[in-house]
């Protein structure tokens, strides 16, 4: 023979309801009337391992030699969420599901999305900048990734903002030194080359760390082969002499004052010097021809 109850009501000393178990609604209500509706679950030795705190609205799981884990299953009984109290980890996904975390603002718009399927973290959007701030033990920001401006700020608050890039062996091959303002490239088996490209993706400047060469290319490099063209008008040496006396620099070459004031392209200067060498070569050839002709007379 069994007893059947549709409802069970619990009262305090003042006959006020503090607990109500409804068989029809399948509900259990604890607390009220000046009481907190707590539920404590204990193991065999009487030590509490789960505490539902109606006063603070908290759930405490674990302690007393037990890990407070929380496991959520899908409709097939496979675990898709695991909060591990022993290791302090939160695991989402698996069993055919992606473990995403979505954080929304007061309007319900997504501001942070951790995508377990693609392994991405998306910050910002919906009117928000997706910033990342890294702080030291004093709570001062030492690293700031600014989603609004797309800038990365490292250092400050008593720290240097250094950036190290390593190869597959974990050895540093690029070091940006925020303290000294230096960039060190190469080392540890790597050459620290610098290649600068134009809008079309063509390398126009190449600094070769292995050979120590500076290689210039592109439209600004204009070789002086035109000097050897048959129709090139070679300035007579008497005119060159007159120009030098009057201007104190070679024809076609900016003065030292102009270079100091405005600077000069190294590529242009190199090609201009090559032009002068080729002009001198032509003058020497002509002088040799004149000397040989005089010898024959």
C-alpha atoms as a PDB file:
ATOM      1  CA  UNK A   1       0.000   0.000   0.000  1.00  0.00           C
ATOM      2  CA  UNK A   2       1.437   3.418  -0.936  1.00  0.00           C
ATOM      3  CA  UNK A   3       0.527   6.956   0.039  1.00  0.00           C
ATOM      4  CA  UNK A   4      -0.217   9.479  -2.737  1.00  0.00           C
ATOM      5  CA  UNK A   5      -0.015  13.259  -2.299  1.00  0.00           C
ATOM      6  CA  UNK A   6      -0.983  15.949  -4.788  1.00  0.00           C
ATOM      7  CA  UNK A   7       0.683  18.697  -2.754  1.00  0.00           C
ATOM      8  CA  UNK A   8       2.973  19.032   0.226  1.00  0.00           C
ATOM      9  CA  UNK A   9       3.175  22.353   2.013  1.00  0.00           C
ATOM     10  CA  UNK A  10       5.764  23.202   4.668  1.00  0.00           C
ATOM     11  CA  UNK A  11       5.203  25.951   7.277  1.00  0.00           C
ATOM     12  CA  UNK A  12       7.364  27.796   9.771  1.00  0.00           C
ATOM     13  CA  UNK A  13       6.504  28.399  13.416  1.00  0.00           C
ATOM     14  CA  UNK A  14       4.290  31.323  12.360  1.00  0.00           C
ATOM     15  CA  UNK A  15       2.314  28.985  10.047  1.00  0.00           C
ATOM     16  CA  UNK A  16       3.737  30.784   6.971  1.00  0.00           C
ATOM     17  CA  UNK A  17       4.465  28.730   3.884  1.00  0.00           C
ATOM     18  CA  UNK A  18       8.214  28.209   3.339  1.00  0.00           C
ATOM     19  CA  UNK A  19       8.082  25.132   1.100  1.00  0.00           C
ATOM     20  CA  UNK A  20       5.611  23.901  -1.492  1.00  0.00           C
ATOM     21  CA  UNK A  21       5.803  20.698  -3.563  1.00  0.00           C
ATOM     22  CA  UNK A  22       3.137  20.598  -6.273  1.00  0.00           C
ATOM     23  CA  UNK A  23       2.469  17.211  -7.849  1.00  0.00           C
ATOM     24  CA  UNK A  24       0.206  18.690 -10.506  1.00  0.00           C
ATOM     25  CA  UNK A  25       2.685  21.337 -11.712  1.00  0.00           C
ATOM     26  CA  UNK A  26       5.785  19.317 -10.915  1.00  0.00           C
ATOM     27  CA  UNK A  27       7.267  22.282  -9.093  1.00  0.00           C
ATOM     28  CA  UNK A  28       9.236  22.633  -5.887  1.00  0.00           C
ATOM     29  CA  UNK A  29       9.338  26.048  -4.262  1.00  0.00           C
ATOM     30  CA  UNK A  30      11.445  26.705  -1.188  1.00  0.00           C
ATOM     31  CA  UNK A  31      11.846  29.877   0.814  1.00  0.00           C
ATOM     32  CA  UNK A  32       9.910  33.071   1.239  1.00  0.00           C
ATOM     33  CA  UNK A  33       8.212  34.350   4.400  1.00  0.00           C
ATOM     34  CA  UNK A  34      11.606  35.416   5.728  1.00  0.00           C
ATOM     35  CA  UNK A  35      13.363  32.173   4.762  1.00  0.00           C
ATOM     36  CA  UNK A  36      15.946  31.318   2.092  1.00  0.00           C
ATOM     37  CA  UNK A  37      15.079  28.421  -0.139  1.00  0.00           C
ATOM     38  CA  UNK A  38      18.315  26.428  -0.001  1.00  0.00           C
ATOM     39  CA  UNK A  39      18.929  22.849  -1.076  1.00  0.00           C
ATOM     40  CA  UNK A  40      21.947  20.942   0.201  1.00  0.00           C
ATOM     41  CA  UNK A  41      23.016  17.586  -1.247  1.00  0.00           C
ATOM     42  CA  UNK A  42      25.445  15.486   0.750  1.00  0.00           C
ATOM     43  CA  UNK A  43      27.499  12.384   0.140  1.00  0.00           C
ATOM     44  CA  UNK A  44      27.603   9.253   2.295  1.00  0.00           C
ATOM     45  CA  UNK A  45      29.619  10.787   5.133  1.00  0.00           C
ATOM     46  CA  UNK A  46      27.221  13.731   5.368  1.00  0.00           C
ATOM     47  CA  UNK A  47      29.578  16.275   3.762  1.00  0.00           C
ATOM     48  CA  UNK A  48      27.753  18.718   1.504  1.00  0.00           C
ATOM     49  CA  UNK A  49      28.909  18.709  -2.131  1.00  0.00           C
ATOM     50  CA  UNK A  50      26.073  20.649  -3.805  1.00  0.00           C
ATOM     51  CA  UNK A  51      24.418  23.771  -2.462  1.00  0.00           C
ATOM     52  CA  UNK A  52      21.584  25.637  -4.209  1.00  0.00           C
ATOM     53  CA  UNK A  53      21.535  29.007  -2.447  1.00  0.00           C
ATOM     54  CA  UNK A  54      18.145  30.671  -2.831  1.00  0.00           C
ATOM     55  CA  UNK A  55      19.282  33.776  -0.956  1.00  0.00           C
ATOM     56  CA  UNK A  56      22.151  34.673  -3.318  1.00  0.00           C
ATOM     57  CA  UNK A  57      20.848  32.785  -6.343  1.00  0.00           C
ATOM     58  CA  UNK A  58      24.046  30.726  -6.555  1.00  0.00           C
ATOM     59  CA  UNK A  59      24.812  27.078  -7.172  1.00  0.00           C
ATOM     60  CA  UNK A  60      27.879  25.663  -5.424  1.00  0.00           C
ATOM     61  CA  UNK A  61      29.127  22.293  -6.597  1.00  0.00           C
ATOM     62  CA  UNK A  62      32.102  20.356  -5.255  1.00  0.00           C
ATOM     63  CA  UNK A  63      34.273  20.626  -2.207  1.00  0.00           C
ATOM     64  CA  UNK A  64      34.606  18.100   0.591  1.00  0.00           C
ATOM     65  CA  UNK A  65      36.899  16.002  -1.644  1.00  0.00           C
ATOM     66  CA  UNK A  66      34.681  16.285  -4.717  1.00  0.00           C
ATOM     67  CA  UNK A  67      35.092  18.172  -8.011  1.00  0.00           C
ATOM     68  CA  UNK A  68      32.133  20.374  -8.824  1.00  0.00           C
ATOM     69  CA  UNK A  69      31.514  19.477 -12.454  1.00  0.00           C
ATOM     70  CA  UNK A  70      28.604  20.520 -14.656  1.00  0.00           C
ATOM     71  CA  UNK A  71      27.759  18.475 -17.746  1.00  0.00           C
ATOM     72  CA  UNK A  72      25.143  19.416 -20.337  1.00  0.00           C
ATOM     73  CA  UNK A  73      23.976  16.811 -22.862  1.00  0.00           C
ATOM     74  CA  UNK A  74      22.232  16.992 -26.224  1.00  0.00           C
ATOM     75  CA  UNK A  75      19.053  15.049 -26.993  1.00  0.00           C
ATOM     76  CA  UNK A  76      21.154  11.968 -27.775  1.00  0.00           C
ATOM     77  CA  UNK A  77      22.765  11.986 -24.365  1.00  0.00           C
ATOM     78  CA  UNK A  78      26.167  13.204 -25.626  1.00  0.00           C
ATOM     79  CA  UNK A  79      27.990  15.806 -23.565  1.00  0.00           C
ATOM     80  CA  UNK A  80      28.348  19.161 -25.370  1.00  0.00           C
ATOM     81  CA  UNK A  81      29.194  21.405 -22.391  1.00  0.00           C
ATOM     82  CA  UNK A  82      31.519  20.522 -19.517  1.00  0.00           C
ATOM     83  CA  UNK A  83      32.392  22.877 -16.675  1.00  0.00           C
ATOM     84  CA  UNK A  84      35.245  21.129 -14.870  1.00  0.00           C
ATOM     85  CA  UNK A  85      35.597  22.316 -11.281  1.00  0.00           C
ATOM     86  CA  UNK A  86      38.723  20.237 -10.747  1.00  0.00           C
ATOM     87  CA  UNK A  87      40.787  21.851 -13.514  1.00  0.00           C
ATOM     88  CA  UNK A  88      38.836  25.104 -13.762  1.00  0.00           C
ATOM     89  CA  UNK A  89      38.173  24.557 -17.459  1.00  0.00           C
ATOM     90  CA  UNK A  90      35.134  25.199 -19.614  1.00  0.00           C
ATOM     91  CA  UNK A  91      34.756  22.897 -22.609  1.00  0.00           C
ATOM     92  CA  UNK A  92      32.149  23.582 -25.262  1.00  0.00           C
ATOM     93  CA  UNK A  93      31.231  21.586 -28.336  1.00  0.00           C
ATOM     94  CA  UNK A  94      31.992  18.121 -29.571  1.00  0.00           C
ATOM     95  CA  UNK A  95      29.508  15.355 -30.312  1.00  0.00           C
ATOM     96  CA  UNK A  96      28.641  17.039 -33.597  1.00  0.00           C
ATOM     97  CA  UNK A  97      28.306  20.564 -32.211  1.00  0.00           C
ATOM     98  CA  UNK A  98      30.465  23.706 -32.289  1.00  0.00           C
ATOM     99  CA  UNK A  99      31.532  25.156 -28.979  1.00  0.00           C
ATOM    100  CA  UNK A 100      30.701  28.829 -29.516  1.00  0.00           C
ATOM    101  CA  UNK A 101      30.577  31.600 -26.907  1.00  0.00           C
ATOM    102  CA  UNK A 102      28.509  34.679 -27.750  1.00  0.00           C
ATOM    103  CA  UNK A 103      28.454  37.802 -25.574  1.00  0.00           C
ATOM    104  CA  UNK A 104      25.881  40.511 -26.320  1.00  0.00           C
ATOM    105  CA  UNK A 105      25.408  44.128 -25.323  1.00  0.00           C
ATOM    106  CA  UNK A 106      22.332  45.618 -23.678  1.00  0.00           C
ATOM    107  CA  UNK A 107      20.604  45.712 -27.076  1.00  0.00           C
ATOM    108  CA  UNK A 108      21.190  42.022 -27.679  1.00  0.00           C
ATOM    109  CA  UNK A 109      23.802  42.661 -30.415  1.00  0.00           C
ATOM    110  CA  UNK A 110      26.817  40.369 -30.495  1.00  0.00           C
ATOM    111  CA  UNK A 111      29.997  42.109 -29.355  1.00  0.00           C
ATOM    112  CA  UNK A 112      32.159  39.044 -28.718  1.00  0.00           C
ATOM    113  CA  UNK A 113      32.006  35.749 -30.581  1.00  0.00           C
ATOM    114  CA  UNK A 114      34.321  32.843 -29.832  1.00  0.00           C
ATOM    115  CA  UNK A 115      33.817  30.454 -32.736  1.00  0.00           C
ATOM    116  CA  UNK A 116      34.752  26.897 -31.833  1.00  0.00           C
ATOM    117  CA  UNK A 117      34.088  25.660 -35.365  1.00  0.00           C
ATOM    118  CA  UNK A 118      36.631  27.875 -37.113  1.00  0.00           C
ATOM    119  CA  UNK A 119      38.814  28.555 -34.069  1.00  0.00           C
ATOM    120  CA  UNK A 120      38.330  32.326 -34.365  1.00  0.00           C
ATOM    121  CA  UNK A 121      37.644  35.084 -31.872  1.00  0.00           C
ATOM    122  CA  UNK A 122      35.618  37.986 -33.260  1.00  0.00           C
ATOM    123  CA  UNK A 123      35.523  41.194 -31.236  1.00  0.00           C
ATOM    124  CA  UNK A 124      33.494  44.318 -31.949  1.00  0.00           C
ATOM    125  CA  UNK A 125      30.926  45.213 -34.546  1.00  0.00           C
ATOM    126  CA  UNK A 126      27.380  46.420 -33.929  1.00  0.00           C
ATOM    127  CA  UNK A 127      28.722  49.845 -32.980  1.00  0.00           C
ATOM    128  CA  UNK A 128      31.572  48.520 -30.820  1.00  0.00           C
ATOM    129  CA  UNK A 129      35.349  48.528 -31.276  1.00  0.00           C
ATOM    130  CA  UNK A 130      36.859  45.109 -30.651  1.00  0.00           C
ATOM    131  CA  UNK A 131      39.778  46.015 -28.390  1.00  0.00           C
ATOM    132  CA  UNK A 132      42.080  43.670 -26.492  1.00  0.00           C
ATOM    133  CA  UNK A 133      43.948  44.994 -23.446  1.00  0.00           C
ATOM    134  CA  UNK A 134      46.672  43.067 -21.648  1.00  0.00           C
ATOM    135  CA  UNK A 135      47.674  44.240 -18.162  1.00  0.00           C
ATOM    136  CA  UNK A 136      50.526  43.646 -15.753  1.00  0.00           C
ATOM    137  CA  UNK A 137      50.175  42.520 -12.168  1.00  0.00           C
ATOM    138  CA  UNK A 138      49.450  46.115 -11.101  1.00  0.00           C
ATOM    139  CA  UNK A 139      46.524  46.374 -13.497  1.00  0.00           C
ATOM    140  CA  UNK A 140      48.315  48.744 -15.897  1.00  0.00           C
ATOM    141  CA  UNK A 141      47.761  48.251 -19.635  1.00  0.00           C
ATOM    142  CA  UNK A 142      51.001  47.087 -21.324  1.00  0.00           C
ATOM    143  CA  UNK A 143      49.478  45.761 -24.545  1.00  0.00           C
ATOM    144  CA  UNK A 144      46.542  47.235 -26.464  1.00  0.00           C
ATOM    145  CA  UNK A 145      45.117  45.897 -29.715  1.00  0.00           C
ATOM    146  CA  UNK A 146      42.765  48.649 -30.929  1.00  0.00           C
ATOM    147  CA  UNK A 147      40.009  47.355 -33.195  1.00  0.00           C
ATOM    148  CA  UNK A 148      38.831  50.882 -33.968  1.00  0.00           C
ATOM    149  CA  UNK A 149      42.103  52.120 -35.467  1.00  0.00           C
ATOM    150  CA  UNK A 150      43.672  48.749 -36.274  1.00  0.00           C
ATOM    151  CA  UNK A 151      46.745  49.609 -34.189  1.00  0.00           C
ATOM    152  CA  UNK A 152      48.827  47.491 -31.816  1.00  0.00           C
ATOM    153  CA  UNK A 153      50.353  49.325 -28.858  1.00  0.00           C
ATOM    154  CA  UNK A 154      52.967  47.509 -26.751  1.00  0.00           C
ATOM    155  CA  UNK A 155      54.796  48.754 -23.678  1.00  0.00           C
ATOM    156  CA  UNK A 156      54.377  51.680 -21.358  1.00  0.00           C
ATOM    157  CA  UNK A 157      53.641  51.538 -17.626  1.00  0.00           C
ATOM    158  CA  UNK A 158      57.306  50.775 -16.951  1.00  0.00           C
ATOM    159  CA  UNK A 159      57.655  48.136 -19.669  1.00  0.00           C
ATOM    160  CA  UNK A 160      59.249  48.050 -23.129  1.00  0.00           C
ATOM    161  CA  UNK A 161      57.010  47.203 -26.047  1.00  0.00           C
ATOM    162  CA  UNK A 162      59.107  44.528 -27.740  1.00  0.00           C
ATOM    163  CA  UNK A 163      57.925  42.200 -30.475  1.00  0.00           C
ATOM    164  CA  UNK A 164      59.704  38.889 -31.158  1.00  0.00           C
ATOM    165  CA  UNK A 165      59.014  36.698 -34.203  1.00  0.00           C
ATOM    166  CA  UNK A 166      60.442  33.176 -34.091  1.00  0.00           C
ATOM    167  CA  UNK A 167      61.121  30.416 -36.611  1.00  0.00           C
ATOM    168  CA  UNK A 168      59.832  26.842 -36.390  1.00  0.00           C
ATOM    169  CA  UNK A 169      62.637  26.012 -33.949  1.00  0.00           C
ATOM    170  CA  UNK A 170      61.552  28.760 -31.574  1.00  0.00           C
ATOM    171  CA  UNK A 171      64.559  30.987 -32.309  1.00  0.00           C
ATOM    172  CA  UNK A 172      64.104  34.741 -32.694  1.00  0.00           C
ATOM    173  CA  UNK A 173      64.634  35.994 -36.255  1.00  0.00           C
ATOM    174  CA  UNK A 174      62.857  39.361 -35.965  1.00  0.00           C
ATOM    175  CA  UNK A 175      63.059  41.613 -32.901  1.00  0.00           C
ATOM    176  CA  UNK A 176      61.338  44.983 -32.694  1.00  0.00           C
ATOM    177  CA  UNK A 177      62.850  46.747 -29.673  1.00  0.00           C
ATOM    178  CA  UNK A 178      60.488  49.366 -28.265  1.00  0.00           C
ATOM    179  CA  UNK A 179      63.021  50.506 -25.668  1.00  0.00           C
ATOM    180  CA  UNK A 180      65.775  51.472 -28.115  1.00  0.00           C
ATOM    181  CA  UNK A 181      63.586  51.951 -31.183  1.00  0.00           C
ATOM    182  CA  UNK A 182      65.529  49.327 -33.152  1.00  0.00           C
ATOM    183  CA  UNK A 183      64.495  46.567 -35.528  1.00  0.00           C
ATOM    184  CA  UNK A 184      66.822  43.554 -35.686  1.00  0.00           C
ATOM    185  CA  UNK A 185      66.332  41.124 -38.579  1.00  0.00           C
ATOM    186  CA  UNK A 186      67.971  37.756 -39.085  1.00  0.00           C
ATOM    187  CA  UNK A 187      70.360  35.687 -37.044  1.00  0.00           C
ATOM    188  CA  UNK A 188      69.848  32.148 -35.758  1.00  0.00           C
ATOM    189  CA  UNK A 189      70.403  30.738 -39.238  1.00  0.00           C
ATOM    190  CA  UNK A 190      68.354  33.350 -41.092  1.00  0.00           C
ATOM    191  CA  UNK A 191      69.330  36.320 -43.241  1.00  0.00           C
ATOM    192  CA  UNK A 192      67.538  39.511 -42.254  1.00  0.00           C
ATOM    193  CA  UNK A 193      66.612  40.779 -45.708  1.00  0.00           C
ATOM    194  CA  UNK A 194      64.354  43.767 -46.385  1.00  0.00           C
ATOM    195  CA  UNK A 195      62.262  43.893 -49.558  1.00  0.00           C
ATOM    196  CA  UNK A 196      60.106  46.898 -50.425  1.00  0.00           C
ATOM    197  CA  UNK A 197      57.426  46.490 -53.097  1.00  0.00           C
ATOM    198  CA  UNK A 198      55.450  48.912 -55.197  1.00  0.00           C
ATOM    199  CA  UNK A 199      51.675  48.895 -55.649  1.00  0.00           C
ATOM    200  CA  UNK A 200      52.018  46.197 -58.306  1.00  0.00           C
ATOM    201  CA  UNK A 201      53.848  43.842 -55.954  1.00  0.00           C
ATOM    202  CA  UNK A 202      57.250  44.281 -57.611  1.00  0.00           C
ATOM    203  CA  UNK A 203      60.352  44.513 -55.425  1.00  0.00           C
ATOM    204  CA  UNK A 204      61.919  47.940 -55.946  1.00  0.00           C
ATOM    205  CA  UNK A 205      64.326  47.958 -52.985  1.00  0.00           C
ATOM    206  CA  UNK A 206      66.171  44.915 -51.647  1.00  0.00           C
ATOM    207  CA  UNK A 207      68.589  45.067 -48.725  1.00  0.00           C
ATOM    208  CA  UNK A 208      70.502  41.771 -48.721  1.00  0.00           C
ATOM    209  CA  UNK A 209      71.800  41.068 -45.223  1.00  0.00           C
ATOM    210  CA  UNK A 210      74.008  38.170 -46.353  1.00  0.00           C
ATOM    211  CA  UNK A 211      75.994  40.145 -48.936  1.00  0.00           C
ATOM    212  CA  UNK A 212      75.426  43.620 -47.503  1.00  0.00           C
ATOM    213  CA  UNK A 213      74.126  44.834 -50.852  1.00  0.00           C
ATOM    214  CA  UNK A 214      71.483  47.470 -51.512  1.00  0.00           C
ATOM    215  CA  UNK A 215      69.671  46.588 -54.734  1.00  0.00           C
ATOM    216  CA  UNK A 216      67.458  49.207 -56.351  1.00  0.00           C
ATOM    217  CA  UNK A 217      64.950  48.502 -59.095  1.00  0.00           C
ATOM    218  CA  UNK A 218      61.852  50.044 -60.590  1.00  0.00           C
ATOM    219  CA  UNK A 219      61.005  53.126 -62.613  1.00  0.00           C
ATOM    220  CA  UNK A 220      63.343  55.413 -60.632  1.00  0.00           C
ATOM    221  CA  UNK A 221      66.385  53.429 -61.798  1.00  0.00           C
ATOM    222  CA  UNK A 222      67.367  54.844 -65.209  1.00  0.00           C
ATOM    223  CA  UNK A 223      70.703  53.437 -66.439  1.00  0.00           C
ATOM    224  CA  UNK A 224      72.948  55.907 -68.264  1.00  0.00           C
ATOM    225  CA  UNK A 225      73.449  53.809 -71.389  1.00  0.00           C
ATOM    226  CA  UNK A 226      71.994  56.704 -73.399  1.00  0.00           C
ATOM    227  CA  UNK A 227      75.412  58.377 -73.093  1.00  0.00           C
ATOM    228  CA  UNK A 228      76.792  55.886 -75.632  1.00  0.00           C
ATOM    229  CA  UNK A 229      74.034  56.622 -78.126  1.00  0.00           C
ATOM    230  CA  UNK A 230      75.428  58.071 -81.425  1.00  0.00           C
ATOM    231  CA  UNK A 231      73.195  61.129 -81.148  1.00  0.00           C
ATOM    232  CA  UNK A 232      74.144  61.943 -77.523  1.00  0.00           C
ATOM    233  CA  UNK A 233      75.420  65.515 -77.260  1.00  0.00           C
ATOM    234  CA  UNK A 234      78.589  65.275 -75.191  1.00  0.00           C
ATOM    235  CA  UNK A 235      79.398  68.581 -73.548  1.00  0.00           C
ATOM    236  CA  UNK A 236      82.902  69.760 -74.528  1.00  0.00           C
ATOM    237  CA  UNK A 237      85.419  69.865 -71.692  1.00  0.00           C
ATOM    238  CA  UNK A 238      85.870  73.600 -72.172  1.00  0.00           C
ATOM    239  CA  UNK A 239      82.163  74.074 -71.440  1.00  0.00           C
ATOM    240  CA  UNK A 240      82.423  71.730 -68.444  1.00  0.00           C
ATOM    241  CA  UNK A 241      85.363  73.765 -67.135  1.00  0.00           C
ATOM    242  CA  UNK A 242      83.428  77.002 -67.547  1.00  0.00           C
ATOM    243  CA  UNK A 243      80.359  75.570 -65.795  1.00  0.00           C
ATOM    244  CA  UNK A 244      82.433  74.295 -62.866  1.00  0.00           C
ATOM    245  CA  UNK A 245      84.133  77.654 -62.386  1.00  0.00           C
ATOM    246  CA  UNK A 246      80.788  79.421 -62.332  1.00  0.00           C
ATOM    247  CA  UNK A 247      78.672  76.945 -60.307  1.00  0.00           C
ATOM    248  CA  UNK A 248      81.165  74.865 -58.285  1.00  0.00           C
ATOM    249  CA  UNK A 249      79.536  71.523 -59.228  1.00  0.00           C
ATOM    250  CA  UNK A 250      79.235  69.260 -62.279  1.00  0.00           C
ATOM    251  CA  UNK A 251      76.621  69.948 -64.962  1.00  0.00           C
ATOM    252  CA  UNK A 252      73.441  67.942 -64.427  1.00  0.00           C
ATOM    253  CA  UNK A 253      74.298  67.218 -60.778  1.00  0.00           C
ATOM    254  CA  UNK A 254      72.508  69.163 -58.010  1.00  0.00           C
ATOM    255  CA  UNK A 255      74.678  71.393 -55.865  1.00  0.00           C
ATOM    256  CA  UNK A 256      75.623  70.367 -52.366  1.00  0.00           C
ATOM    257  CA  UNK A 257      73.377  73.099 -50.986  1.00  0.00           C
ATOM    258  CA  UNK A 258      70.384  71.760 -52.944  1.00  0.00           C
ATOM    259  CA  UNK A 259      71.033  68.183 -51.817  1.00  0.00           C
ATOM    260  CA  UNK A 260      71.313  69.261 -48.175  1.00  0.00           C
ATOM    261  CA  UNK A 261      68.121  71.298 -48.386  1.00  0.00           C
ATOM    262  CA  UNK A 262      65.934  68.902 -50.403  1.00  0.00           C
ATOM    263  CA  UNK A 263      67.679  65.559 -50.224  1.00  0.00           C
ATOM    264  CA  UNK A 264      68.245  63.350 -53.258  1.00  0.00           C
ATOM    265  CA  UNK A 265      67.229  59.907 -54.422  1.00  0.00           C
ATOM    266  CA  UNK A 266      70.118  57.468 -54.025  1.00  0.00           C
ATOM    267  CA  UNK A 267      69.036  55.748 -57.218  1.00  0.00           C
ATOM    268  CA  UNK A 268      69.113  59.040 -59.155  1.00  0.00           C
ATOM    269  CA  UNK A 269      72.459  60.033 -57.634  1.00  0.00           C
ATOM    270  CA  UNK A 270      74.005  56.660 -58.507  1.00  0.00           C
ATOM    271  CA  UNK A 271      72.753  56.831 -62.099  1.00  0.00           C
ATOM    272  CA  UNK A 272      73.921  60.457 -62.429  1.00  0.00           C
ATOM    273  CA  UNK A 273      77.415  59.498 -61.260  1.00  0.00           C
ATOM    274  CA  UNK A 274      77.403  56.621 -63.762  1.00  0.00           C
ATOM    275  CA  UNK A 275      76.457  59.141 -66.468  1.00  0.00           C
ATOM    276  CA  UNK A 276      79.488  61.255 -65.573  1.00  0.00           C
ATOM    277  CA  UNK A 277      81.785  58.223 -65.616  1.00  0.00           C
ATOM    278  CA  UNK A 278      80.520  57.276 -69.074  1.00  0.00           C
ATOM    279  CA  UNK A 279      80.990  60.866 -70.305  1.00  0.00           C
ATOM    280  CA  UNK A 280      84.570  60.842 -68.979  1.00  0.00           C
ATOM    281  CA  UNK A 281      85.118  57.535 -70.777  1.00  0.00           C
ATOM    282  CA  UNK A 282      84.015  59.111 -74.063  1.00  0.00           C
ATOM    283  CA  UNK A 283      86.310  62.104 -73.493  1.00  0.00           C
ATOM    284  CA  UNK A 284      89.247  59.767 -72.808  1.00  0.00           C
ATOM    285  CA  UNK A 285      88.517  57.792 -75.951  1.00  0.00           C
ATOM    286  CA  UNK A 286      88.457  60.994 -78.003  1.00  0.00           C
ATOM    287  CA  UNK A 287      91.693  62.195 -76.397  1.00  0.00           C
ATOM    288  CA  UNK A 288      93.362  58.871 -77.171  1.00  0.00           C
ATOM    289  CA  UNK A 289      92.216  59.085 -80.783  1.00  0.00           C
ATOM    290  CA  UNK A 290      93.634  62.653 -81.038  1.00  0.00           C
ATOM    291  CA  UNK A 291      96.977  61.570 -79.468  1.00  0.00           C
ATOM    292  CA  UNK A 292      97.298  58.603 -81.858  1.00  0.00           C
ATOM    293  CA  UNK A 293      96.515  60.814 -84.842  1.00  0.00           C
ATOM    294  CA  UNK A 294      99.213  63.301 -83.764  1.00  0.00           C
ATOM    295  CA  UNK A 295     101.715  60.468 -83.381  1.00  0.00           C
ATOM    296  CA  UNK A 296     101.085  59.341 -86.952  1.00  0.00           C
ATOM    297  CA  UNK A 297     101.883  62.818 -88.378  1.00  0.00           C
END
